PDB file of N, CA and C in Angstrom:
ATOM      1  N   UNK A   1      13.642  -2.751  10.056  1.00  0.00           N
ATOM      2  CA  UNK A   1      12.601  -2.407   9.094  1.00  0.00           C
ATOM      3  C   UNK A   1      12.487  -1.195   8.991  1.00  0.00           C
ATOM      4  N   UNK A   2      13.023  -0.340   7.740  1.00  0.00           N
ATOM      5  CA  UNK A   2      12.985   1.047   7.741  1.00  0.00           C
ATOM      6  C   UNK A   2      11.175   1.261   7.117  1.00  0.00           C
ATOM      7  N   UNK A   3      10.539   2.059   7.843  1.00  0.00           N
ATOM      8  CA  UNK A   3       9.329   2.883   7.783  1.00  0.00           C
ATOM      9  C   UNK A   3       9.514   4.159   6.788  1.00  0.00           C
ATOM     10  N   UNK A   4       8.947   4.083   5.606  1.00  0.00           N
ATOM     11  CA  UNK A   4       8.890   5.448   5.178  1.00  0.00           C
ATOM     12  C   UNK A   4       7.677   6.179   4.852  1.00  0.00           C
ATOM     13  N   UNK A   5       7.598   7.393   4.960  1.00  0.00           N
ATOM     14  CA  UNK A   5       6.335   8.178   4.741  1.00  0.00           C
ATOM     15  C   UNK A   5       6.695   8.869   3.237  1.00  0.00           C
ATOM     16  N   UNK A   6       5.815   8.619   2.556  1.00  0.00           N
ATOM     17  CA  UNK A   6       5.777   9.717   0.929  1.00  0.00           C
ATOM     18  C   UNK A   6       4.470  10.540   0.900  1.00  0.00           C
ATOM     19  N   UNK A   7       4.815  11.563   0.414  1.00  0.00           N
ATOM     20  CA  UNK A   7       3.510  12.413  -0.041  1.00  0.00           C
ATOM     21  C   UNK A   7       3.060  11.979  -1.514  1.00  0.00           C
ATOM     22  N   UNK A   8       1.740  11.754  -1.707  1.00  0.00           N
ATOM     23  CA  UNK A   8       1.213  11.010  -2.697  1.00  0.00           C
ATOM     24  C   UNK A   8       0.320  12.614  -3.384  1.00  0.00           C
ATOM     25  N   UNK A   9       0.138  12.270  -4.698  1.00  0.00           N
ATOM     26  CA  UNK A   9      -0.547  13.534  -5.253  1.00  0.00           C
ATOM     27  C   UNK A   9      -1.901  13.655  -4.705  1.00  0.00           C
ATOM     28  N   UNK A  10      -2.274  14.970  -4.444  1.00  0.00           N
ATOM     29  CA  UNK A  10      -3.501  15.536  -3.675  1.00  0.00           C
ATOM     30  C   UNK A  10      -3.146  15.910  -2.473  1.00  0.00           C
ATOM     31  N   UNK A  11      -3.946  15.268  -1.131  1.00  0.00           N
ATOM     32  CA  UNK A  11      -3.801  15.612  -0.114  1.00  0.00           C
ATOM     33  C   UNK A  11      -3.542  14.601   1.034  1.00  0.00           C
ATOM     34  N   UNK A  12      -2.845  13.657   0.631  1.00  0.00           N
ATOM     35  CA  UNK A  12      -2.482  12.212   1.461  1.00  0.00           C
ATOM     36  C   UNK A  12      -1.060  12.104   1.556  1.00  0.00           C
ATOM     37  N   UNK A  13      -0.822  11.015   2.486  1.00  0.00           N
ATOM     38  CA  UNK A  13       0.612  10.519   2.546  1.00  0.00           C
ATOM     39  C   UNK A  13       0.221   9.021   2.478  1.00  0.00           C
ATOM     40  N   UNK A  14       1.890   8.268   2.322  1.00  0.00           N
ATOM     41  CA  UNK A  14       1.387   6.661   2.064  1.00  0.00           C
ATOM     42  C   UNK A  14       2.641   6.041   3.239  1.00  0.00           C
ATOM     43  N   UNK A  15       2.561   5.296   4.139  1.00  0.00           N
ATOM     44  CA  UNK A  15       3.242   4.701   5.251  1.00  0.00           C
ATOM     45  C   UNK A  15       3.699   3.426   4.419  1.00  0.00           C
ATOM     46  N   UNK A  16       4.702   2.936   4.255  1.00  0.00           N
ATOM     47  CA  UNK A  16       5.202   1.758   3.748  1.00  0.00           C
ATOM     48  C   UNK A  16       6.745   1.099   4.488  1.00  0.00           C
ATOM     49  N   UNK A  17       6.662   0.031   4.564  1.00  0.00           N
ATOM     50  CA  UNK A  17       7.907  -0.664   4.805  1.00  0.00           C
ATOM     51  C   UNK A  17       8.319  -1.546   3.424  1.00  0.00           C
ATOM     52  N   UNK A  18       9.494  -2.238   3.674  1.00  0.00           N
ATOM     53  CA  UNK A  18      10.034  -2.755   2.141  1.00  0.00           C
ATOM     54  C   UNK A  18       9.181  -3.886   1.833  1.00  0.00           C
ATOM     55  N   UNK A  19       8.072  -4.392   2.728  1.00  0.00           N
ATOM     56  CA  UNK A  19       7.258  -5.783   2.224  1.00  0.00           C
ATOM     57  C   UNK A  19       6.178  -5.296   2.010  1.00  0.00           C
ATOM     58  N   UNK A  20       5.409  -3.973   2.518  1.00  0.00           N
ATOM     59  CA  UNK A  20       3.946  -3.968   2.176  1.00  0.00           C
ATOM     60  C   UNK A  20       3.742  -2.406   2.344  1.00  0.00           C
ATOM     61  N   UNK A  21       2.807  -1.953   1.821  1.00  0.00           N
ATOM     62  CA  UNK A  21       2.013  -0.429   2.205  1.00  0.00           C
ATOM     63  C   UNK A  21       0.966  -0.558   3.182  1.00  0.00           C
ATOM     64  N   UNK A  22       1.408   0.137   4.161  1.00  0.00           N
ATOM     65  CA  UNK A  22       0.463  -0.125   5.599  1.00  0.00           C
ATOM     66  C   UNK A  22      -0.614   0.939   5.363  1.00  0.00           C
ATOM     67  N   UNK A  23      -0.461   1.912   5.111  1.00  0.00           N
ATOM     68  CA  UNK A  23      -1.336   3.209   4.651  1.00  0.00           C
ATOM     69  C   UNK A  23      -1.354   3.916   3.474  1.00  0.00           C
ATOM     70  N   UNK A  24      -2.507   4.534   2.858  1.00  0.00           N
ATOM     71  CA  UNK A  24      -2.807   4.907   1.811  1.00  0.00           C
ATOM     72  C   UNK A  24      -3.722   6.325   2.133  1.00  0.00           C
ATOM     73  N   UNK A  25      -3.173   7.646   1.587  1.00  0.00           N
ATOM     74  CA  UNK A  25      -4.433   8.693   1.800  1.00  0.00           C
ATOM     75  C   UNK A  25      -4.580   9.077   3.121  1.00  0.00           C
ATOM     76  N   UNK A  26      -3.625   8.649   3.989  1.00  0.00           N
ATOM     77  CA  UNK A  26      -3.718   9.504   5.466  1.00  0.00           C
ATOM     78  C   UNK A  26      -3.067  10.700   5.626  1.00  0.00           C
ATOM     79  N   UNK A  27      -3.304  11.390   6.935  1.00  0.00           N
ATOM     80  CA  UNK A  27      -2.790  12.478   7.125  1.00  0.00           C
ATOM     81  C   UNK A  27      -1.689  12.303   7.670  1.00  0.00           C
ATOM     82  N   UNK A  28      -0.687  13.777   7.467  1.00  0.00           N
ATOM     83  CA  UNK A  28       0.592  13.398   8.025  1.00  0.00           C
ATOM     84  C   UNK A  28       0.782  13.387   9.094  1.00  0.00           C
ATOM     85  N   UNK A  29       0.049  13.645  10.254  1.00  0.00           N
ATOM     86  CA  UNK A  29      -0.205  13.666  11.580  1.00  0.00           C
ATOM     87  C   UNK A  29      -0.394  11.744  11.998  1.00  0.00           C
ATOM     88  N   UNK A  30      -1.515  11.316  11.396  1.00  0.00           N
ATOM     89  CA  UNK A  30      -1.709   9.972  11.083  1.00  0.00           C
ATOM     90  C   UNK A  30      -0.335   9.024  10.682  1.00  0.00           C
ATOM     91  N   UNK A  31       0.102   9.283   9.775  1.00  0.00           N
ATOM     92  CA  UNK A  31       1.410   8.953   9.144  1.00  0.00           C
ATOM     93  C   UNK A  31       2.409   8.965  10.238  1.00  0.00           C
ATOM     94  N   UNK A  32       2.875   9.533  10.812  1.00  0.00           N
ATOM     95  CA  UNK A  32       4.039   9.766  11.809  1.00  0.00           C
ATOM     96  C   UNK A  32       3.582   8.990  12.725  1.00  0.00           C
ATOM     97  N   UNK A  33       2.298   9.024  13.476  1.00  0.00           N
ATOM     98  CA  UNK A  33       1.742   8.122  14.520  1.00  0.00           C
ATOM     99  C   UNK A  33       2.022   6.552  14.082  1.00  0.00           C
ATOM    100  N   UNK A  34       1.492   6.254  13.029  1.00  0.00           N
ATOM    101  CA  UNK A  34       1.681   4.878  12.226  1.00  0.00           C
ATOM    102  C   UNK A  34       3.089   4.494  12.402  1.00  0.00           C
ATOM    103  N   UNK A  35       3.948   5.490  11.977  1.00  0.00           N
ATOM    104  CA  UNK A  35       5.460   5.277  11.856  1.00  0.00           C
ATOM    105  C   UNK A  35       6.113   4.975  13.126  1.00  0.00           C
ATOM    106  N   UNK A  36       5.632   5.621  13.946  1.00  0.00           N
ATOM    107  CA  UNK A  36       6.240   5.306  15.332  1.00  0.00           C
ATOM    108  C   UNK A  36       5.962   3.983  16.132  1.00  0.00           C
ATOM    109  N   UNK A  37       4.260   3.337  15.329  1.00  0.00           N
ATOM    110  CA  UNK A  37       3.707   2.282  16.211  1.00  0.00           C
ATOM    111  C   UNK A  37       4.412   1.322  15.549  1.00  0.00           C
ATOM    112  N   UNK A  38       4.837   1.216  14.024  1.00  0.00           N
ATOM    113  CA  UNK A  38       5.321   0.099  13.620  1.00  0.00           C
ATOM    114  C   UNK A  38       6.956   0.051  13.857  1.00  0.00           C
ATOM    115  N   UNK A  39       7.585   1.169  14.327  1.00  0.00           N
ATOM    116  CA  UNK A  39       8.945   0.794  14.609  1.00  0.00           C
ATOM    117  C   UNK A  39       8.706   0.335  16.172  1.00  0.00           C
ATOM    118  N   UNK A  40       7.746   0.821  16.937  1.00  0.00           N
ATOM    119  CA  UNK A  40       7.764   0.281  18.563  1.00  0.00           C
ATOM    120  C   UNK A  40       7.472  -1.334  18.234  1.00  0.00           C
ATOM    121  N   UNK A  41       6.839  -1.498  17.615  1.00  0.00           N
ATOM    122  CA  UNK A  41       6.160  -2.666  17.401  1.00  0.00           C
ATOM    123  C   UNK A  41       7.540  -3.722  16.812  1.00  0.00           C
ATOM    124  N   UNK A  42       8.124  -3.381  15.812  1.00  0.00           N
ATOM    125  CA  UNK A  42       9.542  -4.231  15.330  1.00  0.00           C
ATOM    126  C   UNK A  42      10.505  -4.229  16.750  1.00  0.00           C
ATOM    127  N   UNK A  43      10.337  -3.414  17.708  1.00  0.00           N
ATOM    128  CA  UNK A  43      11.327  -3.085  19.030  1.00  0.00           C
ATOM    129  C   UNK A  43      10.857  -3.882  20.041  1.00  0.00           C
ATOM    130  N   UNK A  44       9.732  -4.880  20.179  1.00  0.00           N
ATOM    131  CA  UNK A  44       9.347  -5.640  21.223  1.00  0.00           C
ATOM    132  C   UNK A  44       7.997  -4.875  21.629  1.00  0.00           C
ATOM    133  N   UNK A  45       7.501  -3.757  21.496  1.00  0.00           N
ATOM    134  CA  UNK A  45       6.277  -3.083  21.792  1.00  0.00           C
ATOM    135  C   UNK A  45       5.056  -4.171  21.551  1.00  0.00           C
ATOM    136  N   UNK A  46       4.325  -4.895  22.415  1.00  0.00           N
ATOM    137  CA  UNK A  46       3.100  -5.560  22.228  1.00  0.00           C
ATOM    138  C   UNK A  46       1.981  -4.649  22.350  1.00  0.00           C
ATOM    139  N   UNK A  47       1.023  -4.078  21.589  1.00  0.00           N
ATOM    140  CA  UNK A  47      -0.017  -3.576  21.828  1.00  0.00           C
ATOM    141  C   UNK A  47      -1.119  -3.955  22.525  1.00  0.00           C
ATOM    142  N   UNK A  48      -1.777  -3.296  23.499  1.00  0.00           N
ATOM    143  CA  UNK A  48      -2.765  -3.909  24.000  1.00  0.00           C
ATOM    144  C   UNK A  48      -4.153  -2.993  24.179  1.00  0.00           C
ATOM    145  N   UNK A  49      -5.162  -3.721  24.471  1.00  0.00           N
ATOM    146  CA  UNK A  49      -6.265  -2.744  24.546  1.00  0.00           C
ATOM    147  C   UNK A  49      -6.271  -2.123  25.968  1.00  0.00           C
ATOM    148  N   UNK A  50      -7.061  -0.838  25.990  1.00  0.00           N
ATOM    149  CA  UNK A  50      -6.815  -0.243  27.114  1.00  0.00           C
ATOM    150  C   UNK A  50      -7.712  -0.901  28.420  1.00  0.00           C
ATOM    151  N   UNK A  51      -8.630  -1.535  28.499  1.00  0.00           N
ATOM    152  CA  UNK A  51      -9.159  -2.159  29.192  1.00  0.00           C
ATOM    153  C   UNK A  51      -8.587  -3.698  29.745  1.00  0.00           C
ATOM    154  N   UNK A  52      -7.685  -4.360  29.121  1.00  0.00           N
ATOM    155  CA  UNK A  52      -7.029  -5.405  29.371  1.00  0.00           C
ATOM    156  C   UNK A  52      -5.847  -5.561  29.595  1.00  0.00           C
ATOM    157  N   UNK A  53      -5.130  -5.040  30.838  1.00  0.00           N
ATOM    158  CA  UNK A  53      -4.050  -4.485  31.391  1.00  0.00           C
ATOM    159  C   UNK A  53      -2.886  -5.786  31.018  1.00  0.00           C
ATOM    160  N   UNK A  54      -3.647  -7.114  31.218  1.00  0.00           N
ATOM    161  CA  UNK A  54      -2.639  -8.235  30.746  1.00  0.00           C
ATOM    162  C   UNK A  54      -2.543  -8.658  29.635  1.00  0.00           C
ATOM    163  N   UNK A  55      -2.927  -7.981  28.591  1.00  0.00           N
ATOM    164  CA  UNK A  55      -2.563  -8.403  27.242  1.00  0.00           C
ATOM    165  C   UNK A  55      -3.654  -9.345  26.630  1.00  0.00           C
ATOM    166  N   UNK A  56      -4.870  -9.751  27.692  1.00  0.00           N
ATOM    167  CA  UNK A  56      -5.475 -10.733  26.954  1.00  0.00           C
ATOM    168  C   UNK A  56      -6.225 -10.151  25.936  1.00  0.00           C
ATOM    169  N   UNK A  57      -6.931  -9.098  25.709  1.00  0.00           N
ATOM    170  CA  UNK A  57      -7.664  -8.750  24.302  1.00  0.00           C
ATOM    171  C   UNK A  57      -6.623  -8.830  23.129  1.00  0.00           C
ATOM    172  N   UNK A  58      -5.560  -8.443  22.787  1.00  0.00           N
ATOM    173  CA  UNK A  58      -4.969  -8.796  21.957  1.00  0.00           C
ATOM    174  C   UNK A  58      -4.503 -10.405  21.705  1.00  0.00           C
ATOM    175  N   UNK A  59      -4.472 -11.121  22.748  1.00  0.00           N
ATOM    176  CA  UNK A  59      -4.178 -12.559  22.335  1.00  0.00           C
ATOM    177  C   UNK A  59      -5.153 -13.003  21.696  1.00  0.00           C
ATOM    178  N   UNK A  60      -6.585 -12.647  22.114  1.00  0.00           N
ATOM    179  CA  UNK A  60      -7.686 -13.288  21.675  1.00  0.00           C
ATOM    180  C   UNK A  60      -8.221 -12.742  20.292  1.00  0.00           C
ATOM    181  N   UNK A  61      -7.660 -11.445  19.923  1.00  0.00           N
ATOM    182  CA  UNK A  61      -7.868 -11.235  18.679  1.00  0.00           C
ATOM    183  C   UNK A  61      -6.829 -11.888  17.589  1.00  0.00           C
ATOM    184  N   UNK A  62      -5.535 -11.948  18.007  1.00  0.00           N
ATOM    185  CA  UNK A  62      -4.902 -12.696  17.322  1.00  0.00           C
ATOM    186  C   UNK A  62      -4.913 -14.135  17.042  1.00  0.00           C
ATOM    187  N   UNK A  63      -5.857 -14.834  17.988  1.00  0.00           N
ATOM    188  CA  UNK A  63      -6.180 -15.944  17.909  1.00  0.00           C
ATOM    189  C   UNK A  63      -7.206 -16.137  16.666  1.00  0.00           C
ATOM    190  N   UNK A  64      -8.322 -15.027  16.649  1.00  0.00           N
ATOM    191  CA  UNK A  64      -9.281 -14.804  15.879  1.00  0.00           C
ATOM    192  C   UNK A  64      -8.696 -14.804  14.708  1.00  0.00           C
ATOM    193  N   UNK A  65      -7.652 -13.697  14.596  1.00  0.00           N
ATOM    194  CA  UNK A  65      -7.047 -13.776  13.105  1.00  0.00           C
ATOM    195  C   UNK A  65      -6.321 -14.690  12.462  1.00  0.00           C
ATOM    196  N   UNK A  66      -5.776 -15.812  13.557  1.00  0.00           N
ATOM    197  CA  UNK A  66      -5.107 -16.430  13.137  1.00  0.00           C
ATOM    198  C   UNK A  66      -3.547 -16.622  12.797  1.00  0.00           C
ATOM    199  N   UNK A  67      -3.295 -15.643  13.646  1.00  0.00           N
ATOM    200  CA  UNK A  67      -1.726 -15.272  13.895  1.00  0.00           C
ATOM    201  C   UNK A  67      -1.191 -16.090  15.042  1.00  0.00           C
TER     202      UNK A  67
END
């Protein structure tokens, strides 16, 4: 999934993939961070909360969100 960063009028950037926009009016630094994160998730990275080394935090959040 190609992630693109576009400069929008004013002082912001938009992060998007072919299916959706992930961020609007964000800083360039944050847009680059989000692009790296989206690419990592596509390649198998599973984000976890820093206090839950076994990934239980993200599992609970996904169940709450219905994912």
